[in-house]
Amino acid sequence: MKSPKYALGDTVYRGSYEREEHYITCPDCGGTRRILVTLHDGTTITVECGGCYPGGCEPSTGRIKQVTMNCRAKAHTVTGVSLRGDSVEYQLDADAAGNYSLADEHELYTTREEALGGAEQDRTAQEAEQNKRLMAKTKDAKSWAWNATYHRRQIKTLERELASHREKVQICEAQHEV
């Protein structure tokens, strides 16, 4: 059985981090919300940027969300110790609302600096993973190709409709002259 590192009444530090969201200019469109796509035949068209497209019915924004995590360390007093085989769990002092928190031994540190260092390691790993998921959207060339194909198809459909309506206007004008 493992013996506890901390005793009742000891002051320990627990590191944590908090999310802060902010926006940066989209690296694909430079904030313009549109990008140029060159098709196989050399035709260049402008389409809505897929990198800053938030999804749904909303248009591209020209900005993408970035997340940073700010580290902090909080002092606690050990108010209880629970031993279970090779694991040690500590009960920490109550917060302003009277709620106690529990922590495993690996989450607690003797000094504030150690707690901040542990929180920084956790924060760095979490932030890198989060930003990797957010930035993955900016390299989605498939959605740009789909947009280009869709809009070209719409242009052709509308050109046919426009030609049809022009013919009908000519017929109406010819009938009005008679």
C-alpha atoms as a PDB file:
ATOM      1  CA  MET A   1       0.000   0.000   0.000  1.00  0.00           C
ATOM      2  CA  LYS A   2       1.303   3.432  -0.925  1.00  0.00           C
ATOM      3  CA  SER A   3       1.761   5.988   1.838  1.00  0.00           C
ATOM      4  CA  PRO A   4       0.412   9.498   1.247  1.00  0.00           C
ATOM      5  CA  LYS A   5       2.801  12.282   0.259  1.00  0.00           C
ATOM      6  CA  TYR A   6       0.705  14.957   2.021  1.00  0.00           C
ATOM      7  CA  ALA A   7      -0.833  14.939   5.510  1.00  0.00           C
ATOM      8  CA  LEU A   8      -3.990  16.522   6.919  1.00  0.00           C
ATOM      9  CA  GLY A   9      -3.561  20.273   7.240  1.00  0.00           C
ATOM     10  CA  ASP A  10      -0.753  20.514   4.637  1.00  0.00           C
ATOM     11  CA  THR A  11      -0.917  23.338   2.111  1.00  0.00           C
ATOM     12  CA  VAL A  12      -0.778  21.996  -1.450  1.00  0.00           C
ATOM     13  CA  TYR A  13      -1.061  23.659  -4.861  1.00  0.00           C
ATOM     14  CA  ARG A  14      -3.211  22.560  -7.726  1.00  0.00           C
ATOM     15  CA  GLY A  15      -2.518  23.860 -11.219  1.00  0.00           C
ATOM     16  CA  SER A  16      -5.191  24.408 -13.823  1.00  0.00           C
ATOM     17  CA  TYR A  17      -5.859  26.379 -16.978  1.00  0.00           C
ATOM     18  CA  GLU A  18      -8.827  28.275 -18.356  1.00  0.00           C
ATOM     19  CA  ARG A  19      -9.919  28.600 -21.983  1.00  0.00           C
ATOM     20  CA  GLU A  20      -9.947  31.993 -23.620  1.00  0.00           C
ATOM     21  CA  GLU A  21     -11.338  32.289 -27.129  1.00  0.00           C
ATOM     22  CA  HIS A  22     -10.258  35.005 -29.539  1.00  0.00           C
ATOM     23  CA  TYR A  23     -10.386  35.471 -33.298  1.00  0.00           C
ATOM     24  CA  ILE A  24      -7.615  35.932 -35.842  1.00  0.00           C
ATOM     25  CA  THR A  25      -7.754  36.857 -39.519  1.00  0.00           C
ATOM     26  CA  CYS A  26      -8.350  33.797 -41.682  1.00  0.00           C
ATOM     27  CA  PRO A  27      -5.000  32.731 -43.168  1.00  0.00           C
ATOM     28  CA  ASP A  28      -6.659  31.500 -46.371  1.00  0.00           C
ATOM     29  CA  CYS A  29      -8.655  34.546 -47.458  1.00  0.00           C
ATOM     30  CA  GLY A  30      -6.815  37.239 -45.463  1.00  0.00           C
ATOM     31  CA  GLY A  31     -10.121  38.420 -44.006  1.00  0.00           C
ATOM     32  CA  THR A  32     -11.826  39.029 -47.361  1.00  0.00           C
ATOM     33  CA  ARG A  33     -14.191  36.030 -46.918  1.00  0.00           C
ATOM     34  CA  ARG A  34     -13.574  35.027 -50.558  1.00  0.00           C
ATOM     35  CA  ILE A  35     -10.789  33.107 -52.306  1.00  0.00           C
ATOM     36  CA  LEU A  36      -9.703  32.667 -55.903  1.00  0.00           C
ATOM     37  CA  VAL A  37      -9.841  29.134 -57.299  1.00  0.00           C
ATOM     38  CA  THR A  38      -8.151  28.182 -60.562  1.00  0.00           C
ATOM     39  CA  LEU A  39      -9.955  25.367 -62.323  1.00  0.00           C
ATOM     40  CA  HIS A  40      -8.380  22.716 -64.575  1.00  0.00           C
ATOM     41  CA  ASP A  41      -9.053  24.795 -67.689  1.00  0.00           C
ATOM     42  CA  GLY A  42      -7.279  27.845 -66.255  1.00  0.00           C
ATOM     43  CA  THR A  43     -10.516  29.663 -65.428  1.00  0.00           C
ATOM     44  CA  THR A  44     -10.206  31.646 -62.214  1.00  0.00           C
ATOM     45  CA  ILE A  45     -13.312  32.114 -60.112  1.00  0.00           C
ATOM     46  CA  THR A  46     -14.021  33.659 -56.726  1.00  0.00           C
ATOM     47  CA  VAL A  47     -15.788  31.507 -54.135  1.00  0.00           C
ATOM     48  CA  GLU A  48     -16.700  31.791 -50.480  1.00  0.00           C
ATOM     49  CA  CYS A  49     -13.774  30.830 -48.237  1.00  0.00           C
ATOM     50  CA  GLY A  50     -14.091  27.396 -46.664  1.00  0.00           C
ATOM     51  CA  GLY A  51     -11.473  28.173 -44.021  1.00  0.00           C
ATOM     52  CA  CYS A  52     -13.565  30.713 -42.129  1.00  0.00           C
ATOM     53  CA  TYR A  53     -16.970  29.260 -43.005  1.00  0.00           C
ATOM     54  CA  PRO A  54     -18.715  28.606 -39.671  1.00  0.00           C
ATOM     55  CA  GLY A  55     -21.228  26.150 -41.115  1.00  0.00           C
ATOM     56  CA  GLY A  56     -24.990  26.241 -41.380  1.00  0.00           C
ATOM     57  CA  CYS A  57     -26.622  29.198 -43.110  1.00  0.00           C
ATOM     58  CA  GLU A  58     -23.989  31.705 -42.003  1.00  0.00           C
ATOM     59  CA  PRO A  59     -21.567  33.121 -44.609  1.00  0.00           C
ATOM     60  CA  SER A  60     -17.791  32.999 -44.219  1.00  0.00           C
ATOM     61  CA  THR A  61     -16.597  35.466 -41.591  1.00  0.00           C
ATOM     62  CA  GLY A  62     -13.006  36.292 -42.579  1.00  0.00           C
ATOM     63  CA  ARG A  63     -11.924  35.237 -39.075  1.00  0.00           C
ATOM     64  CA  ILE A  64     -11.210  31.937 -37.363  1.00  0.00           C
ATOM     65  CA  LYS A  65     -11.461  31.101 -33.700  1.00  0.00           C
ATOM     66  CA  GLN A  66      -8.278  30.476 -31.743  1.00  0.00           C
ATOM     67  CA  VAL A  67      -8.196  29.199 -28.194  1.00  0.00           C
ATOM     68  CA  THR A  68      -5.564  29.989 -25.597  1.00  0.00           C
ATOM     69  CA  MET A  69      -5.371  28.539 -22.142  1.00  0.00           C
ATOM     70  CA  ASN A  70      -4.216  30.651 -19.200  1.00  0.00           C
ATOM     71  CA  CYS A  71      -2.517  28.800 -16.344  1.00  0.00           C
ATOM     72  CA  ARG A  72      -3.094  29.421 -12.680  1.00  0.00           C
ATOM     73  CA  ALA A  73      -2.226  27.727  -9.387  1.00  0.00           C
ATOM     74  CA  LYS A  74      -4.428  27.706  -6.329  1.00  0.00           C
ATOM     75  CA  ALA A  75      -3.434  26.909  -2.758  1.00  0.00           C
ATOM     76  CA  HIS A  76      -5.540  24.322  -0.907  1.00  0.00           C
ATOM     77  CA  THR A  77      -5.472  22.706   2.507  1.00  0.00           C
ATOM     78  CA  VAL A  78      -5.665  18.917   2.715  1.00  0.00           C
ATOM     79  CA  THR A  79      -8.772  18.052   4.750  1.00  0.00           C
ATOM     80  CA  GLY A  80      -8.969  14.328   4.029  1.00  0.00           C
ATOM     81  CA  VAL A  81      -6.929  11.426   2.643  1.00  0.00           C
ATOM     82  CA  SER A  82      -8.312   8.282   1.027  1.00  0.00           C
ATOM     83  CA  LEU A  83      -6.075   5.284   0.301  1.00  0.00           C
ATOM     84  CA  ARG A  84      -7.163   2.713  -2.291  1.00  0.00           C
ATOM     85  CA  GLY A  85      -4.507   0.174  -3.198  1.00  0.00           C
ATOM     86  CA  ASP A  86      -1.750   2.113  -4.972  1.00  0.00           C
ATOM     87  CA  SER A  87      -3.756   5.314  -5.406  1.00  0.00           C
ATOM     88  CA  VAL A  88      -4.074   8.209  -2.985  1.00  0.00           C
ATOM     89  CA  GLU A  89      -6.939  10.688  -3.227  1.00  0.00           C
ATOM     90  CA  TYR A  90      -7.038  13.934  -1.270  1.00  0.00           C
ATOM     91  CA  GLN A  91     -10.010  15.934  -0.116  1.00  0.00           C
ATOM     92  CA  LEU A  92      -9.244  19.650  -0.341  1.00  0.00           C
ATOM     93  CA  ASP A  93     -10.708  22.595   1.562  1.00  0.00           C
ATOM     94  CA  ALA A  94     -14.131  23.901   0.660  1.00  0.00           C
ATOM     95  CA  ASP A  95     -14.702  26.774  -1.735  1.00  0.00           C
ATOM     96  CA  ALA A  96     -16.897  29.796  -0.941  1.00  0.00           C
ATOM     97  CA  ALA A  97     -20.024  27.741  -1.653  1.00  0.00           C
ATOM     98  CA  GLY A  98     -18.942  25.024   0.807  1.00  0.00           C
ATOM     99  CA  ASN A  99     -18.076  22.448  -1.875  1.00  0.00           C
ATOM    100  CA  TYR A 100     -15.077  20.209  -1.316  1.00  0.00           C
ATOM    101  CA  SER A 101     -12.928  19.049  -4.210  1.00  0.00           C
ATOM    102  CA  LEU A 102     -11.028  15.809  -4.686  1.00  0.00           C
ATOM    103  CA  ALA A 103      -7.609  15.413  -6.291  1.00  0.00           C
ATOM    104  CA  ASP A 104      -5.293  12.530  -7.073  1.00  0.00           C
ATOM    105  CA  GLU A 105      -1.755  12.807  -5.779  1.00  0.00           C
ATOM    106  CA  HIS A 106      -0.272  13.496  -9.245  1.00  0.00           C
ATOM    107  CA  GLU A 107      -2.449  16.635  -9.516  1.00  0.00           C
ATOM    108  CA  LEU A 108      -0.989  18.287  -6.404  1.00  0.00           C
ATOM    109  CA  TYR A 109       2.327  20.062  -5.854  1.00  0.00           C
ATOM    110  CA  THR A 110       4.316  21.396  -2.926  1.00  0.00           C
ATOM    111  CA  THR A 111       4.947  24.858  -4.465  1.00  0.00           C
ATOM    112  CA  ARG A 112       2.997  27.279  -6.621  1.00  0.00           C
ATOM    113  CA  GLU A 113       5.759  27.202  -9.263  1.00  0.00           C
ATOM    114  CA  GLU A 114       5.565  23.407  -9.587  1.00  0.00           C
ATOM    115  CA  ALA A 115       1.783  23.613  -9.945  1.00  0.00           C
ATOM    116  CA  LEU A 116       2.114  26.252 -12.669  1.00  0.00           C
ATOM    117  CA  GLY A 117       4.690  24.079 -14.454  1.00  0.00           C
ATOM    118  CA  GLY A 118       2.342  21.074 -14.380  1.00  0.00           C
ATOM    119  CA  ALA A 119      -0.557  23.209 -15.595  1.00  0.00           C
ATOM    120  CA  GLU A 120       1.645  24.595 -18.383  1.00  0.00           C
ATOM    121  CA  GLN A 121       2.467  21.079 -19.617  1.00  0.00           C
ATOM    122  CA  ASP A 122      -1.204  20.112 -19.618  1.00  0.00           C
ATOM    123  CA  ARG A 123      -2.179  23.416 -21.247  1.00  0.00           C
ATOM    124  CA  THR A 124       0.387  23.123 -24.015  1.00  0.00           C
ATOM    125  CA  ALA A 125      -0.804  19.645 -24.970  1.00  0.00           C
ATOM    126  CA  GLN A 126      -4.497  20.627 -24.875  1.00  0.00           C
ATOM    127  CA  GLU A 127      -4.016  23.899 -26.796  1.00  0.00           C
ATOM    128  CA  ALA A 128      -2.015  22.215 -29.551  1.00  0.00           C
ATOM    129  CA  GLU A 129      -4.729  19.585 -29.993  1.00  0.00           C
ATOM    130  CA  GLN A 130      -7.527  22.179 -30.015  1.00  0.00           C
ATOM    131  CA  ASN A 131      -5.816  24.483 -32.520  1.00  0.00           C
ATOM    132  CA  LYS A 132      -4.954  21.519 -34.756  1.00  0.00           C
ATOM    133  CA  ARG A 133      -8.663  20.675 -34.988  1.00  0.00           C
ATOM    134  CA  LEU A 134      -9.631  24.302 -35.662  1.00  0.00           C
ATOM    135  CA  MET A 135      -6.965  24.874 -38.316  1.00  0.00           C
ATOM    136  CA  ALA A 136      -7.703  21.604 -40.126  1.00  0.00           C
ATOM    137  CA  LYS A 137     -10.752  23.297 -41.624  1.00  0.00           C
ATOM    138  CA  THR A 138      -8.568  25.871 -43.433  1.00  0.00           C
ATOM    139  CA  LYS A 139      -6.987  23.196 -45.649  1.00  0.00           C
ATOM    140  CA  ASP A 140     -10.255  21.677 -46.830  1.00  0.00           C
ATOM    141  CA  ALA A 141      -9.776  22.169 -50.603  1.00  0.00           C
ATOM    142  CA  LYS A 142     -12.593  19.727 -51.325  1.00  0.00           C
ATOM    143  CA  SER A 143     -15.215  22.174 -50.078  1.00  0.00           C
ATOM    144  CA  TRP A 144     -13.772  24.905 -52.316  1.00  0.00           C
ATOM    145  CA  ALA A 145     -13.979  22.627 -55.333  1.00  0.00           C
ATOM    146  CA  TRP A 146     -17.535  21.735 -54.417  1.00  0.00           C
ATOM    147  CA  ASN A 147     -18.384  25.442 -54.113  1.00  0.00           C
ATOM    148  CA  ALA A 148     -16.823  26.190 -57.489  1.00  0.00           C
ATOM    149  CA  THR A 149     -18.702  23.337 -59.193  1.00  0.00           C
ATOM    150  CA  TYR A 150     -21.980  24.290 -57.530  1.00  0.00           C
ATOM    151  CA  HIS A 151     -21.749  27.955 -58.538  1.00  0.00           C
ATOM    152  CA  ARG A 152     -20.704  27.147 -62.115  1.00  0.00           C
ATOM    153  CA  ARG A 153     -23.723  24.842 -62.397  1.00  0.00           C
ATOM    154  CA  GLN A 154     -25.975  27.587 -61.007  1.00  0.00           C
ATOM    155  CA  ILE A 155     -24.579  30.106 -63.509  1.00  0.00           C
ATOM    156  CA  LYS A 156     -25.312  27.751 -66.424  1.00  0.00           C
ATOM    157  CA  THR A 157     -28.851  27.117 -65.162  1.00  0.00           C
ATOM    158  CA  LEU A 158     -29.524  30.833 -64.744  1.00  0.00           C
ATOM    159  CA  GLU A 159     -28.047  31.628 -68.178  1.00  0.00           C
ATOM    160  CA  ARG A 160     -30.468  29.122 -69.754  1.00  0.00           C
ATOM    161  CA  GLU A 161     -33.368  30.664 -67.813  1.00  0.00           C
ATOM    162  CA  LEU A 162     -32.245  34.167 -68.832  1.00  0.00           C
ATOM    163  CA  ALA A 163     -32.165  33.157 -72.512  1.00  0.00           C
ATOM    164  CA  SER A 164     -35.620  31.630 -72.199  1.00  0.00           C
ATOM    165  CA  HIS A 165     -37.043  34.780 -70.582  1.00  0.00           C
ATOM    166  CA  ARG A 166     -35.440  37.005 -73.231  1.00  0.00           C
ATOM    167  CA  GLU A 167     -37.174  34.968 -75.940  1.00  0.00           C
ATOM    168  CA  LYS A 168     -40.497  35.337 -74.122  1.00  0.00           C
ATOM    169  CA  VAL A 169     -40.009  39.110 -73.838  1.00  0.00           C
ATOM    170  CA  GLN A 170     -39.353  39.279 -77.593  1.00  0.00           C
ATOM    171  CA  ILE A 171     -42.528  37.292 -78.277  1.00  0.00           C
ATOM    172  CA  CYS A 172     -44.528  39.608 -75.981  1.00  0.00           C
ATOM    173  CA  GLU A 173     -43.113  42.714 -77.655  1.00  0.00           C
ATOM    174  CA  ALA A 174     -43.856  41.276 -81.106  1.00  0.00           C
ATOM    175  CA  GLN A 175     -47.454  40.496 -80.096  1.00  0.00           C
ATOM    176  CA  HIS A 176     -47.896  43.990 -78.641  1.00  0.00           C
ATOM    177  CA  GLU A 177     -46.843  45.613 -81.955  1.00  0.00           C
ATOM    178  CA  VAL A 178     -49.438  43.691 -83.947  1.00  0.00           C
END
